[in-house]
Amino acid sequence: MKKILFLSLVISLLFSCKKENTPTTINNTNNNVSCSKTISYKNEIAPMLNMYCGGCHSSNQSSGGINLSGYSNASNHATRSLNSIKNGSMPPMGSIPDSLVQKLSCWINQGKANN
């Protein structure tokens, strides 16, 4: 019984990095994001990172040594993360909508405020 439970846990962890096909909590209907609008870390960036990156880059799992949970981590790895998204190496399964990538870019250009 313990072996089955352990095996189930291992399999669950292996599949936890799988990206969901469609976001359920992020409103990405605005495809024309303007950098003139202040981008909120709390309301826009954190939910995006949690949705698309958190399965592999969280405090419990920091794949590649990159932990994106929390403002400090997100801020420290923001430019590297954006470059990985833009060059197509992240996320490994699927993609992030362009409008959300633009928001991340704007947030970085606006100074990565903790707002």
N, C-alpha and C. Protein backbone atom coordinates (compact mmCIF):
# COMPACT_ATOMS: atom_id res chain seq x y z
N MET A 1 0.82 -1.19 0.00
CA MET A 1 0.00 0.00 0.00
C MET A 1 0.86 1.25 0.00
N LYS A 2 1.94 1.25 0.81
CA LYS A 2 2.83 2.40 0.86
C LYS A 2 3.51 2.63 -0.48
N LYS A 3 3.87 1.54 -1.16
CA LYS A 3 4.53 1.67 -2.46
C LYS A 3 3.58 2.29 -3.48
N ILE A 4 2.33 1.90 -3.45
CA ILE A 4 1.34 2.46 -4.38
C ILE A 4 1.13 3.94 -4.09
N LEU A 5 1.03 4.30 -2.84
CA LEU A 5 0.87 5.70 -2.45
C LEU A 5 2.07 6.52 -2.89
N PHE A 6 3.27 5.98 -2.64
CA PHE A 6 4.50 6.67 -3.04
C PHE A 6 4.55 6.84 -4.55
N LEU A 7 4.25 5.78 -5.29
CA LEU A 7 4.26 5.83 -6.75
C LEU A 7 3.24 6.84 -7.25
N SER A 8 2.07 6.89 -6.65
CA SER A 8 1.05 7.87 -7.03
C SER A 8 1.55 9.28 -6.81
N LEU A 9 2.23 9.52 -5.71
CA LEU A 9 2.77 10.83 -5.41
C LEU A 9 3.83 11.22 -6.43
N VAL A 10 4.73 10.31 -6.77
CA VAL A 10 5.78 10.58 -7.74
C VAL A 10 5.17 10.91 -9.10
N ILE A 11 4.20 10.12 -9.53
CA ILE A 11 3.55 10.38 -10.82
C ILE A 11 2.84 11.73 -10.80
N SER A 12 2.20 12.03 -9.71
CA SER A 12 1.52 13.32 -9.57
C SER A 12 2.50 14.47 -9.70
N LEU A 13 3.65 14.37 -9.06
CA LEU A 13 4.66 15.41 -9.14
C LEU A 13 5.22 15.55 -10.55
N LEU A 14 5.39 14.44 -11.24
CA LEU A 14 5.90 14.48 -12.60
C LEU A 14 4.96 15.23 -13.53
N PHE A 15 3.68 15.08 -13.32
CA PHE A 15 2.71 15.73 -14.18
C PHE A 15 2.30 17.11 -13.70
N SER A 16 2.81 17.55 -12.57
CA SER A 16 2.42 18.86 -12.03
C SER A 16 2.97 20.00 -12.85
N CYS A 17 4.00 19.77 -13.65
CA CYS A 17 4.56 20.83 -14.49
C CYS A 17 3.79 21.01 -15.79
N LYS A 18 2.78 20.21 -16.00
CA LYS A 18 1.98 20.31 -17.21
C LYS A 18 1.18 21.59 -17.20
N LYS A 19 1.31 22.38 -18.25
CA LYS A 19 0.61 23.64 -18.36
C LYS A 19 -0.85 23.40 -18.72
N GLU A 20 -1.73 24.14 -18.06
CA GLU A 20 -3.15 24.06 -18.41
C GLU A 20 -3.36 24.68 -19.78
N ASN A 21 -4.30 24.16 -20.52
CA ASN A 21 -4.54 24.65 -21.87
C ASN A 21 -5.15 26.03 -21.91
N THR A 22 -6.05 26.32 -20.99
CA THR A 22 -6.68 27.63 -20.98
C THR A 22 -6.73 28.17 -19.58
N PRO A 23 -6.44 29.47 -19.44
CA PRO A 23 -6.49 30.05 -18.10
C PRO A 23 -7.93 30.15 -17.62
N THR A 24 -8.11 29.98 -16.31
CA THR A 24 -9.45 30.07 -15.77
C THR A 24 -9.63 31.27 -14.87
N THR A 25 -8.54 31.88 -14.41
CA THR A 25 -8.67 32.98 -13.47
C THR A 25 -8.07 34.29 -13.98
N ILE A 26 -7.52 34.27 -15.16
CA ILE A 26 -6.89 35.48 -15.68
C ILE A 26 -7.75 36.02 -16.81
N ASN A 27 -8.08 37.29 -16.72
CA ASN A 27 -8.84 37.93 -17.78
C ASN A 27 -7.86 38.46 -18.81
N ASN A 28 -7.80 37.80 -19.96
CA ASN A 28 -6.87 38.24 -21.00
C ASN A 28 -7.62 38.62 -22.28
N THR A 29 -8.77 39.26 -22.10
CA THR A 29 -9.56 39.66 -23.27
C THR A 29 -9.00 40.91 -23.92
N ASN A 30 -8.20 41.68 -23.21
CA ASN A 30 -7.63 42.89 -23.79
C ASN A 30 -6.34 42.53 -24.50
N ASN A 31 -6.39 42.39 -25.82
CA ASN A 31 -5.21 42.02 -26.59
C ASN A 31 -4.31 43.20 -26.90
N ASN A 32 -4.76 44.41 -26.71
CA ASN A 32 -3.96 45.59 -27.01
C ASN A 32 -3.58 46.28 -25.71
N VAL A 33 -2.59 45.73 -25.03
CA VAL A 33 -2.15 46.29 -23.76
C VAL A 33 -1.25 47.47 -24.04
N SER A 34 -1.55 48.57 -23.39
CA SER A 34 -0.75 49.77 -23.55
C SER A 34 0.15 49.93 -22.34
N CYS A 35 1.39 50.27 -22.58
CA CYS A 35 2.30 50.49 -21.46
C CYS A 35 2.00 51.80 -20.74
N SER A 36 1.07 52.56 -21.24
CA SER A 36 0.69 53.80 -20.53
C SER A 36 -0.13 53.47 -19.29
N LYS A 37 -0.72 52.29 -19.25
CA LYS A 37 -1.47 51.82 -18.08
C LYS A 37 -0.49 51.17 -17.11
N THR A 38 -0.56 51.54 -15.85
CA THR A 38 0.30 50.94 -14.84
C THR A 38 -0.09 49.48 -14.63
N ILE A 39 0.87 48.61 -14.77
CA ILE A 39 0.64 47.18 -14.61
C ILE A 39 0.83 46.82 -13.14
N SER A 40 -0.13 46.10 -12.59
CA SER A 40 -0.11 45.71 -11.18
C SER A 40 0.53 44.33 -11.02
N TYR A 41 1.54 44.26 -10.17
CA TYR A 41 2.14 42.96 -9.86
C TYR A 41 1.09 42.04 -9.24
N LYS A 42 0.41 42.54 -8.23
CA LYS A 42 -0.54 41.71 -7.47
C LYS A 42 -1.70 41.22 -8.33
N ASN A 43 -2.26 42.10 -9.16
CA ASN A 43 -3.48 41.76 -9.91
C ASN A 43 -3.23 41.19 -11.29
N GLU A 44 -2.05 41.44 -11.87
CA GLU A 44 -1.81 41.00 -13.25
C GLU A 44 -0.61 40.08 -13.40
N ILE A 45 0.52 40.44 -12.82
CA ILE A 45 1.74 39.65 -13.02
C ILE A 45 1.73 38.38 -12.17
N ALA A 46 1.45 38.51 -10.88
CA ALA A 46 1.45 37.33 -10.00
C ALA A 46 0.48 36.25 -10.48
N PRO A 47 -0.77 36.61 -10.85
CA PRO A 47 -1.68 35.55 -11.35
C PRO A 47 -1.17 34.90 -12.63
N MET A 48 -0.56 35.69 -13.51
CA MET A 48 -0.02 35.14 -14.76
C MET A 48 1.11 34.16 -14.46
N LEU A 49 2.05 34.56 -13.61
CA LEU A 49 3.17 33.69 -13.27
C LEU A 49 2.68 32.42 -12.57
N ASN A 50 1.71 32.57 -11.70
CA ASN A 50 1.15 31.41 -11.02
C ASN A 50 0.49 30.45 -12.01
N MET A 51 -0.28 31.00 -12.93
CA MET A 51 -1.01 30.18 -13.91
C MET A 51 -0.08 29.45 -14.88
N TYR A 52 0.89 30.17 -15.44
CA TYR A 52 1.69 29.61 -16.51
C TYR A 52 3.06 29.09 -16.07
N CYS A 53 3.55 29.52 -14.91
CA CYS A 53 4.91 29.17 -14.50
C CYS A 53 4.99 28.45 -13.15
N GLY A 54 3.96 28.64 -12.32
CA GLY A 54 4.00 28.14 -10.95
C GLY A 54 4.11 26.64 -10.80
N GLY A 55 3.64 25.87 -11.77
CA GLY A 55 3.73 24.43 -11.66
C GLY A 55 5.16 23.93 -11.60
N CYS A 56 6.08 24.66 -12.22
CA CYS A 56 7.48 24.24 -12.25
C CYS A 56 8.42 25.20 -11.53
N HIS A 57 7.99 26.44 -11.35
CA HIS A 57 8.88 27.46 -10.78
C HIS A 57 8.27 28.10 -9.54
N SER A 58 7.98 27.26 -8.55
CA SER A 58 7.41 27.76 -7.30
C SER A 58 8.36 27.42 -6.15
N SER A 59 7.96 27.81 -4.96
CA SER A 59 8.82 27.53 -3.81
C SER A 59 8.97 26.03 -3.57
N ASN A 60 7.96 25.25 -3.94
CA ASN A 60 8.03 23.80 -3.77
C ASN A 60 8.82 23.12 -4.88
N GLN A 61 8.80 23.71 -6.06
CA GLN A 61 9.51 23.18 -7.21
C GLN A 61 10.17 24.34 -7.93
N SER A 62 11.46 24.44 -7.86
CA SER A 62 12.13 25.53 -8.56
C SER A 62 12.99 24.94 -9.68
N SER A 63 12.31 24.53 -10.73
CA SER A 63 12.97 23.93 -11.88
C SER A 63 14.05 24.87 -12.42
N GLY A 64 15.22 24.33 -12.68
CA GLY A 64 16.31 25.14 -13.19
C GLY A 64 16.82 26.15 -12.18
N GLY A 65 16.44 25.99 -10.93
CA GLY A 65 16.86 26.94 -9.90
C GLY A 65 16.10 28.25 -9.95
N ILE A 66 15.02 28.32 -10.72
CA ILE A 66 14.24 29.55 -10.86
C ILE A 66 12.94 29.40 -10.08
N ASN A 67 12.79 30.20 -9.04
CA ASN A 67 11.58 30.24 -8.22
C ASN A 67 10.90 31.58 -8.52
N LEU A 68 9.70 31.53 -9.05
CA LEU A 68 8.98 32.76 -9.41
C LEU A 68 7.87 33.10 -8.43
N SER A 69 7.80 32.40 -7.30
CA SER A 69 6.76 32.71 -6.32
C SER A 69 7.19 33.89 -5.47
N GLY A 70 6.27 34.80 -5.27
CA GLY A 70 6.54 35.99 -4.47
C GLY A 70 7.16 37.10 -5.28
N TYR A 71 6.93 38.32 -4.82
CA TYR A 71 7.39 39.49 -5.55
C TYR A 71 8.91 39.51 -5.77
N SER A 72 9.69 39.27 -4.72
CA SER A 72 11.16 39.35 -4.83
C SER A 72 11.69 38.40 -5.89
N ASN A 73 11.22 37.16 -5.86
CA ASN A 73 11.68 36.19 -6.85
C ASN A 73 11.24 36.58 -8.25
N ALA A 74 9.99 36.98 -8.39
CA ALA A 74 9.47 37.37 -9.71
C ALA A 74 10.25 38.55 -10.25
N SER A 75 10.50 39.52 -9.40
CA SER A 75 11.24 40.71 -9.82
C SER A 75 12.67 40.37 -10.23
N ASN A 76 13.33 39.54 -9.44
CA ASN A 76 14.72 39.17 -9.72
C ASN A 76 14.86 38.39 -11.02
N HIS A 77 13.86 37.60 -11.38
CA HIS A 77 13.95 36.74 -12.58
C HIS A 77 13.08 37.24 -13.73
N ALA A 78 12.53 38.43 -13.61
CA ALA A 78 11.56 38.92 -14.60
C ALA A 78 12.15 39.02 -16.01
N THR A 79 13.28 39.66 -16.15
CA THR A 79 13.86 39.85 -17.49
C THR A 79 14.26 38.52 -18.09
N ARG A 80 14.87 37.67 -17.31
CA ARG A 80 15.26 36.33 -17.79
C ARG A 80 14.02 35.54 -18.21
N SER A 81 12.96 35.64 -17.40
CA SER A 81 11.72 34.93 -17.73
C SER A 81 11.11 35.46 -19.02
N LEU A 82 11.06 36.78 -19.16
CA LEU A 82 10.51 37.38 -20.38
C LEU A 82 11.29 36.92 -21.61
N ASN A 83 12.62 36.92 -21.51
CA ASN A 83 13.44 36.47 -22.65
C ASN A 83 13.16 35.01 -22.98
N SER A 84 12.98 34.17 -21.96
CA SER A 84 12.69 32.76 -22.20
C SER A 84 11.32 32.57 -22.85
N ILE A 85 10.37 33.40 -22.45
CA ILE A 85 9.04 33.34 -23.05
C ILE A 85 9.11 33.79 -24.50
N LYS A 86 9.80 34.89 -24.74
CA LYS A 86 9.88 35.44 -26.10
C LYS A 86 10.64 34.54 -27.06
N ASN A 87 11.66 33.83 -26.56
CA ASN A 87 12.42 32.96 -27.47
C ASN A 87 11.77 31.58 -27.62
N GLY A 88 10.66 31.36 -26.92
CA GLY A 88 9.89 30.14 -27.08
C GLY A 88 10.35 28.97 -26.23
N SER A 89 11.36 29.17 -25.38
CA SER A 89 11.82 28.05 -24.55
C SER A 89 10.94 27.84 -23.31
N MET A 90 10.13 28.84 -22.96
CA MET A 90 9.21 28.74 -21.84
C MET A 90 7.85 29.27 -22.27
N PRO A 91 6.79 28.73 -21.78
CA PRO A 91 6.71 27.47 -21.05
C PRO A 91 6.97 26.30 -21.99
N PRO A 92 7.45 25.18 -21.46
CA PRO A 92 7.81 24.06 -22.34
C PRO A 92 6.62 23.44 -23.06
N MET A 93 5.43 23.58 -22.49
CA MET A 93 4.23 23.05 -23.14
C MET A 93 3.28 24.20 -23.40
N GLY A 94 3.03 24.52 -24.64
CA GLY A 94 2.10 25.59 -24.97
C GLY A 94 2.76 26.94 -25.00
N SER A 95 1.93 27.96 -24.83
CA SER A 95 2.44 29.33 -24.86
C SER A 95 1.59 30.22 -23.98
N ILE A 96 2.09 31.41 -23.75
CA ILE A 96 1.39 32.42 -22.96
C ILE A 96 0.81 33.42 -23.95
N PRO A 97 -0.45 33.81 -23.78
CA PRO A 97 -1.05 34.78 -24.71
C PRO A 97 -0.20 36.05 -24.82
N ASP A 98 -0.11 36.55 -26.05
CA ASP A 98 0.70 37.75 -26.31
C ASP A 98 0.33 38.92 -25.42
N SER A 99 -0.95 39.07 -25.11
CA SER A 99 -1.37 40.19 -24.28
C SER A 99 -0.76 40.11 -22.89
N LEU A 100 -0.59 38.90 -22.36
CA LEU A 100 0.01 38.72 -21.04
C LEU A 100 1.52 38.90 -21.10
N VAL A 101 2.14 38.47 -22.18
CA VAL A 101 3.58 38.69 -22.36
C VAL A 101 3.84 40.19 -22.44
N GLN A 102 2.98 40.92 -23.13
CA GLN A 102 3.11 42.38 -23.23
C GLN A 102 2.97 43.02 -21.85
N LYS A 103 2.06 42.52 -21.03
CA LYS A 103 1.91 43.06 -19.67
C LYS A 103 3.18 42.84 -18.86
N LEU A 104 3.78 41.67 -18.98
CA LEU A 104 5.03 41.39 -18.28
C LEU A 104 6.12 42.34 -18.75
N SER A 105 6.19 42.55 -20.04
CA SER A 105 7.18 43.47 -20.60
C SER A 105 6.96 44.89 -20.09
N CYS A 106 5.71 45.32 -20.07
CA CYS A 106 5.39 46.66 -19.57
C CYS A 106 5.75 46.79 -18.09
N TRP A 107 5.43 45.77 -17.30
CA TRP A 107 5.73 45.80 -15.87
C TRP A 107 7.23 45.95 -15.65
N ILE A 108 8.02 45.24 -16.42
CA ILE A 108 9.48 45.36 -16.32
C ILE A 108 9.92 46.77 -16.70
N ASN A 109 9.40 47.27 -17.82
CA ASN A 109 9.77 48.62 -18.29
C ASN A 109 9.32 49.71 -17.33
N GLN A 110 8.27 49.43 -16.55
CA GLN A 110 7.76 50.40 -15.59
C GLN A 110 8.50 50.33 -14.26
N GLY A 111 9.53 49.48 -14.17
CA GLY A 111 10.32 49.41 -12.96
C GLY A 111 10.00 48.29 -12.02
N LYS A 112 9.14 47.34 -12.43
CA LYS A 112 8.78 46.16 -11.63
C LYS A 112 8.24 46.55 -10.26
N ALA A 113 7.27 47.42 -10.25
CA ALA A 113 6.69 47.90 -8.98
C ALA A 113 5.99 46.78 -8.22
N ASN A 114 6.08 46.84 -6.91
CA ASN A 114 5.40 45.89 -6.04
C ASN A 114 4.05 46.49 -5.67
N ASN A 115 3.15 46.48 -6.62
CA ASN A 115 1.85 47.13 -6.44
C ASN A 115 0.70 46.16 -6.63
